[in-house]
Amino acid sequence: MSQQALSHTNEAAIERYKRAFQKFASIEKNGEKFMTKEDFVDAIAPDEDYKRVQRSQYGVLFNVADQSKNGVLSLSD
């Protein structure tokens, strides 16, 4: 894959992540949107039953991403 194609692929992925963040983030403070742990899990957990990974285990990823430990994630987090 060429560098230009890879760059385009990365840009498309970033735009997808931004749209998902905007869709699921339920808190807005000073014009900035934030995700709660529940928002985060809703955004990343599959819509099917949880045979391999329990829904609560997705919350562990939220804890890793929430490095400031303020209980919400911004898009930059």
Protein backbone atom coordinates (compact mmCIF):
# COMPACT_ATOMS: atom_id res chain seq x y z
CA MET A 1 0.00 0.00 0.00
CA SER A 2 1.38 3.38 -0.94
CA GLN A 3 2.05 6.09 1.63
CA GLN A 4 -0.72 8.22 0.10
CA ALA A 5 -3.24 5.37 0.29
CA LEU A 6 -2.23 4.63 3.87
CA SER A 7 -2.65 8.30 4.79
CA HIS A 8 -6.12 8.36 3.22
CA THR A 9 -7.07 5.18 5.11
CA ASN A 10 -5.89 6.68 8.41
CA GLU A 11 -7.82 9.89 7.77
CA ALA A 12 -10.98 7.90 7.04
CA ALA A 13 -10.55 5.92 10.26
CA ILE A 14 -10.06 9.11 12.29
CA GLU A 15 -13.24 10.58 10.81
CA ARG A 16 -15.14 7.39 11.72
CA TYR A 17 -13.86 7.63 15.31
CA LYS A 18 -14.88 11.30 15.51
CA ARG A 19 -18.40 10.53 14.25
CA ALA A 20 -18.78 7.67 16.73
CA PHE A 21 -17.55 9.88 19.56
CA GLN A 22 -20.02 12.64 18.67
CA LYS A 23 -22.84 10.10 18.41
CA PHE A 24 -22.25 8.49 21.81
CA ALA A 25 -20.89 11.35 23.95
CA SER A 26 -23.71 12.42 26.28
CA ILE A 27 -22.11 15.26 28.25
CA GLU A 28 -21.26 18.72 27.01
CA LYS A 29 -19.24 21.23 29.04
CA ASN A 30 -18.13 24.59 27.67
CA GLY A 31 -18.83 23.44 24.11
CA GLU A 32 -16.76 20.25 24.42
CA LYS A 33 -18.36 16.81 24.38
CA PHE A 34 -17.44 13.99 26.76
CA MET A 35 -18.21 10.31 27.10
CA THR A 36 -19.17 8.64 30.34
CA LYS A 37 -18.10 5.06 30.99
CA GLU A 38 -21.56 3.89 29.86
CA ASP A 39 -21.27 5.96 26.65
CA PHE A 40 -17.85 4.46 25.98
CA VAL A 41 -19.03 0.89 26.49
CA ASP A 42 -22.07 1.53 24.28
CA ALA A 43 -19.73 2.83 21.56
CA ILE A 44 -17.28 -0.07 21.56
CA ALA A 45 -19.15 -3.16 22.79
CA PRO A 46 -20.75 -5.34 20.14
CA ASP A 47 -24.54 -5.34 19.86
CA GLU A 48 -24.65 -9.10 20.19
CA ASP A 49 -24.61 -11.27 23.29
CA TYR A 50 -21.43 -11.28 25.33
CA LYS A 51 -20.18 -14.87 25.28
CA ARG A 52 -16.47 -14.11 25.00
CA VAL A 53 -16.19 -10.76 26.76
CA GLN A 54 -18.64 -9.52 29.37
CA ARG A 55 -19.97 -6.01 28.89
CA SER A 56 -18.43 -4.93 32.21
CA GLN A 57 -15.00 -5.92 30.94
CA TYR A 58 -15.23 -3.22 28.26
CA GLY A 59 -15.35 -0.75 31.14
CA VAL A 60 -11.76 -1.67 31.98
CA LEU A 61 -10.71 -0.08 28.68
CA PHE A 62 -12.49 3.11 29.76
CA ASN A 63 -10.44 3.12 32.97
CA VAL A 64 -7.24 2.83 30.94
CA ALA A 65 -8.26 5.67 28.63
CA ASP A 66 -9.37 7.90 31.55
CA GLN A 67 -5.84 8.76 32.61
CA SER A 68 -6.93 11.98 34.32
CA LYS A 69 -9.36 9.89 36.42
CA ASN A 70 -12.14 12.45 36.07
CA GLY A 71 -14.75 9.89 35.02
CA VAL A 72 -15.27 11.18 31.47
CA LEU A 73 -13.36 11.03 28.18
CA SER A 74 -12.85 13.86 25.73
CA LEU A 75 -12.20 13.23 22.06
CA SER A 76 -8.50 13.95 22.61
CA ASP A 77 -8.34 11.25 25.32
